[in-house]
C-alpha atoms as a PDB file:
ATOM      1  CA  MET A   1      91.292  88.823 124.492  1.00  0.00           C
ATOM      2  CA  GLU A   2      92.648  92.245 123.596  1.00  0.00           C
ATOM      3  CA  GLN A   3      96.065  92.366 121.936  1.00  0.00           C
ATOM      4  CA  THR A   4      97.989  94.223 119.255  1.00  0.00           C
ATOM      5  CA  ILE A   5      99.953  92.894 116.301  1.00  0.00           C
ATOM      6  CA  ASP A   6     102.340  94.919 114.130  1.00  0.00           C
ATOM      7  CA  TYR A   7     102.121  94.390 110.388  1.00  0.00           C
ATOM      8  CA  GLN A   8     104.033  96.336 107.721  1.00  0.00           C
ATOM      9  CA  GLY A   9     104.273  99.422 109.925  1.00  0.00           C
ATOM     10  CA  TYR A  10     100.600  99.355 110.893  1.00  0.00           C
ATOM     11  CA  THR A  11      99.022  98.064 114.101  1.00  0.00           C
ATOM     12  CA  ILE A  12      96.195  95.539 114.328  1.00  0.00           C
ATOM     13  CA  GLU A  13      94.231  95.883 117.555  1.00  0.00           C
ATOM     14  CA  ILE A  14      92.216  92.748 118.327  1.00  0.00           C
ATOM     15  CA  LEU A  15      89.091  93.625 120.331  1.00  0.00           C
ATOM     16  CA  LEU A  16      86.337  91.612 121.976  1.00  0.00           C
ATOM     17  CA  ASP A  17      82.981  91.863 120.181  1.00  0.00           C
ATOM     18  CA  HIS A  18      80.580  92.731 123.009  1.00  0.00           C
ATOM     19  CA  TYR A  19      77.428  92.618 120.850  1.00  0.00           C
ATOM     20  CA  PRO A  20      77.776  89.706 118.429  1.00  0.00           C
ATOM     21  CA  GLU A  21      74.778  88.491 116.453  1.00  0.00           C
ATOM     22  CA  ASN A  22      73.314  85.109 117.330  1.00  0.00           C
ATOM     23  CA  PRO A  23      73.902  83.160 114.098  1.00  0.00           C
ATOM     24  CA  PHE A  24      70.987  80.837 114.830  1.00  0.00           C
ATOM     25  CA  SER A  25      68.357  83.532 115.300  1.00  0.00           C
ATOM     26  CA  ASP A  26      69.766  86.481 113.340  1.00  0.00           C
ATOM     27  CA  TRP A  27      71.005  84.555 110.288  1.00  0.00           C
ATOM     28  CA  ASP A  28      69.142  82.134 108.033  1.00  0.00           C
ATOM     29  CA  CYS A  29      71.849  79.803 106.738  1.00  0.00           C
ATOM     30  CA  GLU A  30      72.770  77.724 109.800  1.00  0.00           C
ATOM     31  CA  PRO A  31      71.359  74.212 110.402  1.00  0.00           C
ATOM     32  CA  PRO A  32      68.623  73.656 113.001  1.00  0.00           C
ATOM     33  CA  ILE A  33      69.875  72.984 116.521  1.00  0.00           C
ATOM     34  CA  ILE A  34      68.597  72.199 120.005  1.00  0.00           C
ATOM     35  CA  VAL A  35      70.659  73.352 122.978  1.00  0.00           C
ATOM     36  CA  LEU A  36      70.366  71.723 126.392  1.00  0.00           C
ATOM     37  CA  ASN A  37      71.579  74.293 128.886  1.00  0.00           C
ATOM     38  CA  GLU A  38      71.126  73.961 132.649  1.00  0.00           C
ATOM     39  CA  GLY A  39      68.430  71.350 132.156  1.00  0.00           C
ATOM     40  CA  SER A  40      66.311  73.390 129.738  1.00  0.00           C
ATOM     41  CA  PHE A  41      66.031  73.398 125.965  1.00  0.00           C
ATOM     42  CA  ASP A  42      66.713  76.319 123.642  1.00  0.00           C
ATOM     43  CA  GLU A  43      65.311  75.596 120.193  1.00  0.00           C
ATOM     44  CA  TYR A  44      66.568  77.136 116.957  1.00  0.00           C
ATOM     45  CA  GLY A  45      64.549  75.894 114.008  1.00  0.00           C
ATOM     46  CA  LEU A  46      64.024  72.500 115.636  1.00  0.00           C
ATOM     47  CA  ASP A  47      61.493  71.387 118.250  1.00  0.00           C
ATOM     48  CA  ALA A  48      62.679  69.291 121.175  1.00  0.00           C
ATOM     49  CA  THR A  49      60.226  66.515 120.277  1.00  0.00           C
ATOM     50  CA  VAL A  50      60.698  63.048 118.849  1.00  0.00           C
ATOM     51  CA  PRO A  51      60.245  63.100 115.050  1.00  0.00           C
ATOM     52  CA  GLU A  52      57.718  60.717 113.514  1.00  0.00           C
ATOM     53  CA  LEU A  53      58.827  57.528 111.805  1.00  0.00           C
ATOM     54  CA  SER A  54      57.259  56.087 108.690  1.00  0.00           C
ATOM     55  CA  ARG A  55      56.185  52.437 108.536  1.00  0.00           C
ATOM     56  CA  ASP A  56      59.260  51.613 106.429  1.00  0.00           C
ATOM     57  CA  GLU A  57      61.572  53.372 108.899  1.00  0.00           C
ATOM     58  CA  ILE A  58      59.996  51.425 111.761  1.00  0.00           C
ATOM     59  CA  GLU A  59      60.479  48.112 109.981  1.00  0.00           C
ATOM     60  CA  ALA A  60      64.101  48.957 109.145  1.00  0.00           C
ATOM     61  CA  ASN A  61      64.918  49.817 112.776  1.00  0.00           C
ATOM     62  CA  LEU A  62      62.596  47.425 114.603  1.00  0.00           C
ATOM     63  CA  SER A  63      65.334  45.755 116.659  1.00  0.00           C
ATOM     64  CA  ASP A  64      66.707  49.103 117.859  1.00  0.00           C
ATOM     65  CA  ILE A  65      63.213  50.365 118.651  1.00  0.00           C
ATOM     66  CA  LYS A  66      62.476  47.317 120.814  1.00  0.00           C
ATOM     67  CA  MET A  67      65.856  47.711 122.512  1.00  0.00           C
ATOM     68  CA  THR A  68      65.080  51.368 123.237  1.00  0.00           C
ATOM     69  CA  PHE A  69      61.872  50.400 124.994  1.00  0.00           C
ATOM     70  CA  GLY A  70      63.565  47.487 126.768  1.00  0.00           C
ATOM     71  CA  TYR A  71      61.115  44.880 125.501  1.00  0.00           C
ATOM     72  CA  ASP A  72      61.648  41.742 123.399  1.00  0.00           C
ATOM     73  CA  ARG A  73      58.282  42.143 121.714  1.00  0.00           C
ATOM     74  CA  LEU A  74      57.060  45.417 120.231  1.00  0.00           C
ATOM     75  CA  ILE A  75      53.473  44.743 121.283  1.00  0.00           C
ATOM     76  CA  SER A  76      54.575  44.717 124.937  1.00  0.00           C
ATOM     77  CA  ALA A  77      56.113  48.173 124.554  1.00  0.00           C
ATOM     78  CA  LEU A  78      53.062  49.520 122.765  1.00  0.00           C
ATOM     79  CA  THR A  79      50.706  48.078 125.380  1.00  0.00           C
ATOM     80  CA  TYR A  80      52.678  49.774 128.144  1.00  0.00           C
ATOM     81  CA  HIS A  81      53.432  53.142 126.551  1.00  0.00           C
ATOM     82  CA  CYS A  82      50.318  53.743 124.430  1.00  0.00           C
ATOM     83  CA  ARG A  83      47.923  54.079 127.343  1.00  0.00           C
ATOM     84  CA  HIS A  84      45.198  55.916 125.417  1.00  0.00           C
ATOM     85  CA  TYR A  85      45.276  53.276 122.637  1.00  0.00           C
ATOM     86  CA  ARG A  86      44.556  50.278 124.873  1.00  0.00           C
ATOM     87  CA  GLY A  87      41.682  48.152 123.684  1.00  0.00           C
ATOM     88  CA  THR A  88      41.371  50.078 120.432  1.00  0.00           C
ATOM     89  CA  TYR A  89      42.804  49.255 117.023  1.00  0.00           C
ATOM     90  CA  TYR A  90      45.053  51.916 115.527  1.00  0.00           C
ATOM     91  CA  ASP A  91      47.658  51.997 112.783  1.00  0.00           C
ATOM     92  CA  VAL A  92      50.876  50.387 114.058  1.00  0.00           C
ATOM     93  CA  ALA A  93      53.079  53.245 112.856  1.00  0.00           C
ATOM     94  CA  GLU A  94      50.864  55.720 114.676  1.00  0.00           C
ATOM     95  CA  MET A  95      51.097  53.623 117.825  1.00  0.00           C
ATOM     96  CA  VAL A  96      54.895  53.359 117.650  1.00  0.00           C
ATOM     97  CA  ASN A  97      55.262  57.117 117.209  1.00  0.00           C
ATOM     98  CA  SER A  98      52.884  57.754 120.104  1.00  0.00           C
ATOM     99  CA  ALA A  99      54.775  55.276 122.286  1.00  0.00           C
ATOM    100  CA  LEU A 100      58.094  56.955 121.500  1.00  0.00           C
ATOM    101  CA  SER A 101      56.641  60.372 122.354  1.00  0.00           C
ATOM    102  CA  GLU A 102      55.214  59.141 125.643  1.00  0.00           C
ATOM    103  CA  TYR A 103      58.466  57.377 126.471  1.00  0.00           C
ATOM    104  CA  ALA A 104      60.460  60.556 125.734  1.00  0.00           C
ATOM    105  CA  GLU A 105      58.364  62.573 128.167  1.00  0.00           C
ATOM    106  CA  GLN A 106      59.364  60.215 130.988  1.00  0.00           C
ATOM    107  CA  LEU A 107      63.072  60.821 130.421  1.00  0.00           C
ATOM    108  CA  HIS A 108      65.395  63.452 131.810  1.00  0.00           C
ATOM    109  CA  ASN A 109      66.079  66.085 129.176  1.00  0.00           C
ATOM    110  CA  SER A 110      69.612  64.816 128.564  1.00  0.00           C
ATOM    111  CA  ASP A 111      68.292  61.333 127.750  1.00  0.00           C
ATOM    112  CA  LYS A 112      65.433  62.835 125.781  1.00  0.00           C
ATOM    113  CA  LEU A 113      67.923  64.721 123.605  1.00  0.00           C
ATOM    114  CA  ASP A 114      69.793  61.465 122.968  1.00  0.00           C
ATOM    115  CA  LEU A 115      66.530  59.791 121.951  1.00  0.00           C
ATOM    116  CA  ILE A 116      65.628  62.621 119.576  1.00  0.00           C
ATOM    117  CA  ALA A 117      69.060  62.308 117.945  1.00  0.00           C
ATOM    118  CA  THR A 118      68.660  58.536 117.672  1.00  0.00           C
ATOM    119  CA  VAL A 119      65.245  58.742 116.000  1.00  0.00           C
ATOM    120  CA  TYR A 120      66.564  61.238 113.446  1.00  0.00           C
ATOM    121  CA  GLN A 121      69.320  58.734 112.673  1.00  0.00           C
ATOM    122  CA  TRP A 122      66.692  56.016 112.232  1.00  0.00           C
ATOM    123  CA  LYS A 123      65.140  58.310 109.652  1.00  0.00           C
ATOM    124  CA  GLY A 124      68.465  58.492 107.822  1.00  0.00           C
ATOM    125  CA  ILE A 125      68.999  62.157 108.666  1.00  0.00           C
ATOM    126  CA  PRO A 126      72.587  63.148 109.646  1.00  0.00           C
ATOM    127  CA  VAL A 127      72.968  64.493 113.185  1.00  0.00           C
ATOM    128  CA  VAL A 128      75.808  65.574 115.454  1.00  0.00           C
ATOM    129  CA  CYS A 129      75.356  65.842 119.218  1.00  0.00           C
ATOM    130  CA  LYS A 130      78.230  67.276 121.256  1.00  0.00           C
ATOM    131  CA  SER A 131      78.934  68.941 124.576  1.00  0.00           C
ATOM    132  CA  ILE A 132      80.461  72.424 124.540  1.00  0.00           C
ATOM    133  CA  HIS A 133      82.481  74.231 127.188  1.00  0.00           C
ATOM    134  CA  GLY A 134      83.376  77.861 127.835  1.00  0.00           C
ATOM    135  CA  TYR A 135      86.168  79.456 129.816  1.00  0.00           C
ATOM    136  CA  SER A 136      84.313  79.383 133.138  1.00  0.00           C
ATOM    137  CA  GLN A 137      83.587  76.187 135.023  1.00  0.00           C
ATOM    138  CA  GLY A 138      79.829  76.644 134.670  1.00  0.00           C
ATOM    139  CA  ASP A 139      79.964  77.152 130.896  1.00  0.00           C
ATOM    140  CA  TYR A 140      78.585  73.824 129.727  1.00  0.00           C
ATOM    141  CA  ALA A 141      75.830  72.750 127.358  1.00  0.00           C
ATOM    142  CA  VAL A 142      74.933  69.992 124.921  1.00  0.00           C
ATOM    143  CA  VAL A 143      74.039  70.876 121.329  1.00  0.00           C
ATOM    144  CA  LEU A 144      72.198  68.691 118.830  1.00  0.00           C
ATOM    145  CA  ALA A 145      72.518  69.806 115.192  1.00  0.00           C
ATOM    146  CA  VAL A 146      70.332  68.126 112.566  1.00  0.00           C
ATOM    147  CA  ALA A 147      70.626  68.280 108.771  1.00  0.00           C
ATOM    148  CA  LEU A 148      66.901  68.473 108.102  1.00  0.00           C
ATOM    149  CA  PRO A 149      66.075  68.001 104.398  1.00  0.00           C
ATOM    150  CA  GLU A 150      64.379  71.418 104.325  1.00  0.00           C
ATOM    151  CA  TRP A 151      67.620  73.045 105.428  1.00  0.00           C
ATOM    152  CA  THR A 152      69.914  71.065 103.115  1.00  0.00           C
ATOM    153  CA  ASN A 153      67.687  71.833 100.123  1.00  0.00           C
ATOM    154  CA  ARG A 154      67.376  75.520 100.993  1.00  0.00           C
ATOM    155  CA  VAL A 155      71.099  76.187 101.415  1.00  0.00           C
ATOM    156  CA  GLY A 156      72.288  73.618  98.879  1.00  0.00           C
ATOM    157  CA  ALA A 157      74.451  71.793 101.417  1.00  0.00           C
ATOM    158  CA  PRO A 158      76.452  68.943  99.775  1.00  0.00           C
ATOM    159  CA  HIS A 159      75.490  65.611 101.310  1.00  0.00           C
ATOM    160  CA  ASP A 160      79.082  64.435 101.741  1.00  0.00           C
ATOM    161  CA  THR A 161      79.942  67.449 103.928  1.00  0.00           C
ATOM    162  CA  LEU A 162      76.854  67.486 106.171  1.00  0.00           C
ATOM    163  CA  THR A 163      78.586  66.068 109.250  1.00  0.00           C
ATOM    164  CA  TYR A 164      81.410  68.592 108.875  1.00  0.00           C
ATOM    165  CA  GLN A 165      78.885  71.436 108.552  1.00  0.00           C
ATOM    166  CA  LEU A 166      76.943  70.281 111.617  1.00  0.00           C
ATOM    167  CA  GLU A 167      80.154  70.127 113.664  1.00  0.00           C
ATOM    168  CA  GLY A 168      81.027  73.623 112.455  1.00  0.00           C
ATOM    169  CA  ALA A 169      77.598  74.882 113.484  1.00  0.00           C
ATOM    170  CA  ILE A 170      78.109  73.563 117.002  1.00  0.00           C
ATOM    171  CA  ARG A 171      81.493  75.305 117.228  1.00  0.00           C
ATOM    172  CA  LEU A 172      79.868  78.484 115.925  1.00  0.00           C
ATOM    173  CA  TYR A 173      77.195  78.338 118.625  1.00  0.00           C
ATOM    174  CA  ALA A 174      79.824  77.733 121.315  1.00  0.00           C
ATOM    175  CA  ASN A 175      81.837  80.741 120.151  1.00  0.00           C
ATOM    176  CA  TRP A 176      78.744  82.941 120.302  1.00  0.00           C
ATOM    177  CA  ALA A 177      77.437  81.562 123.600  1.00  0.00           C
ATOM    178  CA  TYR A 178      80.741  81.858 125.454  1.00  0.00           C
ATOM    179  CA  GLY A 179      81.971  85.202 124.134  1.00  0.00           C
ATOM    180  CA  ASN A 180      84.594  83.979 121.690  1.00  0.00           C
ATOM    181  CA  VAL A 181      83.804  86.624 119.069  1.00  0.00           C
ATOM    182  CA  TYR A 182      86.252  89.380 118.068  1.00  0.00           C
ATOM    183  CA  GLY A 183      86.902  92.348 115.837  1.00  0.00           C
ATOM    184  CA  PHE A 184      89.866  94.482 114.788  1.00  0.00           C
ATOM    185  CA  GLN A 185      90.868  98.112 114.522  1.00  0.00           C
ATOM    186  CA  ILE A 186      93.702  99.243 112.257  1.00  0.00           C
ATOM    187  CA  LEU A 187      96.044 102.033 113.408  1.00  0.00           C
ATOM    188  CA  ASP A 188      98.428 103.835 111.065  1.00  0.00           C
ATOM    189  CA  LYS A 189     102.098 104.564 111.730  1.00  0.00           C
ATOM    190  CA  GLY A 190     101.098 107.509 113.916  1.00  0.00           C
ATOM    191  CA  SER A 191      98.767 105.314 116.016  1.00  0.00           C
ATOM    192  CA  ASN A 192      95.724 107.001 114.513  1.00  0.00           C
ATOM    193  CA  GLU A 193      92.599 104.985 113.725  1.00  0.00           C
ATOM    194  CA  ILE A 194      92.176 104.451 110.002  1.00  0.00           C
ATOM    195  CA  GLU A 195      88.790 105.324 108.549  1.00  0.00           C
ATOM    196  CA  ASP A 196      86.667 102.205 107.930  1.00  0.00           C
ATOM    197  CA  GLY A 197      89.411 100.191 109.602  1.00  0.00           C
ATOM    198  CA  ARG A 198      87.199  98.751 112.357  1.00  0.00           C
ATOM    199  CA  TRP A 199      85.488  95.401 111.719  1.00  0.00           C
ATOM    200  CA  PHE A 200      83.690  92.982 114.048  1.00  0.00           C
ATOM    201  CA  GLY A 201      81.881  89.656 113.818  1.00  0.00           C
ATOM    202  CA  PHE A 202      84.707  87.104 113.674  1.00  0.00           C
ATOM    203  CA  TYR A 203      83.618  83.939 115.526  1.00  0.00           C
ATOM    204  CA  GLY A 204      86.413  81.892 117.063  1.00  0.00           C
ATOM    205  CA  ASP A 205      90.092  82.480 117.727  1.00  0.00           C
ATOM    206  CA  PRO A 206      91.579  85.278 115.563  1.00  0.00           C
ATOM    207  CA  GLU A 207      94.182  82.897 114.132  1.00  0.00           C
ATOM    208  CA  THR A 208      91.519  80.594 112.661  1.00  0.00           C
ATOM    209  CA  SER A 209      88.439  82.806 112.217  1.00  0.00           C
ATOM    210  CA  GLY A 210      89.794  84.822 109.310  1.00  0.00           C
ATOM    211  CA  LEU A 211      90.245  87.967 111.415  1.00  0.00           C
ATOM    212  CA  LEU A 212      94.008  88.292 110.967  1.00  0.00           C
ATOM    213  CA  GLU A 213      93.766  87.425 107.288  1.00  0.00           C
ATOM    214  CA  GLU A 214      91.146  90.135 106.760  1.00  0.00           C
ATOM    215  CA  ALA A 215      93.075  92.701 108.811  1.00  0.00           C
ATOM    216  CA  ARG A 216      96.301  92.065 106.884  1.00  0.00           C
ATOM    217  CA  ALA A 217      94.453  92.276 103.573  1.00  0.00           C
ATOM    218  CA  PHE A 218      93.000  95.631 104.692  1.00  0.00           C
ATOM    219  CA  ILE A 219      96.488  96.942 105.472  1.00  0.00           C
ATOM    220  CA  GLU A 220      97.905  95.710 102.190  1.00  0.00           C
ATOM    221  CA  ASN A 221      95.067  97.405 100.341  1.00  0.00           C
ATOM    222  CA  ALA A 222      95.644 100.634 102.283  1.00  0.00           C
ATOM    223  CA  ILE A 223      99.354 100.520 101.390  1.00  0.00           C
ATOM    224  CA  THR A 224      98.496 100.013  97.712  1.00  0.00           C
ATOM    225  CA  ILE A 225      96.043 102.920  97.763  1.00  0.00           C
ATOM    226  CA  ASN A 226      98.632 105.173  99.419  1.00  0.00           C
ATOM    227  CA  GLU A 227     101.315 104.178  96.928  1.00  0.00           C
ATOM    228  CA  ASN A 228      98.968 104.803  93.991  1.00  0.00           C
ATOM    229  CA  ALA A 229      98.049 108.189  95.465  1.00  0.00           C
ATOM    230  CA  LYS A 230     101.739 109.096  95.786  1.00  0.00           C
ATOM    231  CA  ILE A 231     102.406 108.089  92.186  1.00  0.00           C
ATOM    232  CA  ALA A 232      99.417 110.090  90.986  1.00  0.00           C
ATOM    233  CA  ARG A 233     100.610 113.173  92.896  1.00  0.00           C
ATOM    234  CA  LEU A 234     104.124 112.737  91.499  1.00  0.00           C
ATOM    235  CA  LYS A 235     102.795 112.550  87.925  1.00  0.00           C
ATOM    236  CA  ILE A 236     100.886 115.778  88.433  1.00  0.00           C
ATOM    237  CA  MET A 237     104.002 117.497  89.800  1.00  0.00           C
ATOM    238  CA  ILE A 238     106.084 116.304  86.853  1.00  0.00           C
ATOM    239  CA  LYS A 239     103.449 117.465  84.397  1.00  0.00           C
ATOM    240  CA  ASN A 240     103.357 120.879  86.100  1.00  0.00           C
ATOM    241  CA  ARG A 241     107.171 121.074  86.109  1.00  0.00           C
ATOM    242  CA  VAL A 242     107.410 121.269  89.897  1.00  0.00           C
ATOM    243  CA  PRO A 243     111.117 121.526  90.893  1.00  0.00           C
ATOM    244  CA  LEU A 244     112.709 118.237  91.961  1.00  0.00           C
ATOM    245  CA  SER A 245     113.642 119.682  95.341  1.00  0.00           C
ATOM    246  CA  ILE A 246     109.968 120.249  96.130  1.00  0.00           C
ATOM    247  CA  ARG A 247     108.691 116.938  94.909  1.00  0.00           C
END
């Protein structure tokens, strides 16, 4: 997208940002995500492995765990999936976590990502898992965003907005991944580039990313500065008794 918009006698040129930062590797405020792209995982602050459950979390989600394995009795699932535990007594929670890990490794990565999301939900941790699409037919991926406690505590994310923030993070990744990042250049009335009037790094459509708002604010500030400069010059001329015809 490259277009121009007139505003109060100035021109806003909207330009594609060809070198945008990756918010999930270059910044430190976005939630952890896993991206499944063309069958492979890209990990940003989150490993593509099944998180461990505590004994209490296992007890609270026992029915769903058995359903995941496809067994009516948990011991049947553990006997099948915990091959290296057979014949040996181990802690039940350790066995369940091992069984889930072994089960995950047998799945296609798309199903594995679903399982990872499910286990985080069993732990009471908010997650959002969504597919994203670009402009080209092959632009497709699935992104899992997780509100890990370490992240929520570090950035001070309010609990009641976590789902909204995770959804926003997925949109942010999609904008970066599929080239939906823009900047602007301000031109004066003579079509000359204004100094410091070029800004980039707006993720998403210009109408909703804050780009147009920022560009208009820049122009309004430039107009105010110019008007103040004119008034200051006029005051100096009056003080120096410059003839009215010259002012």
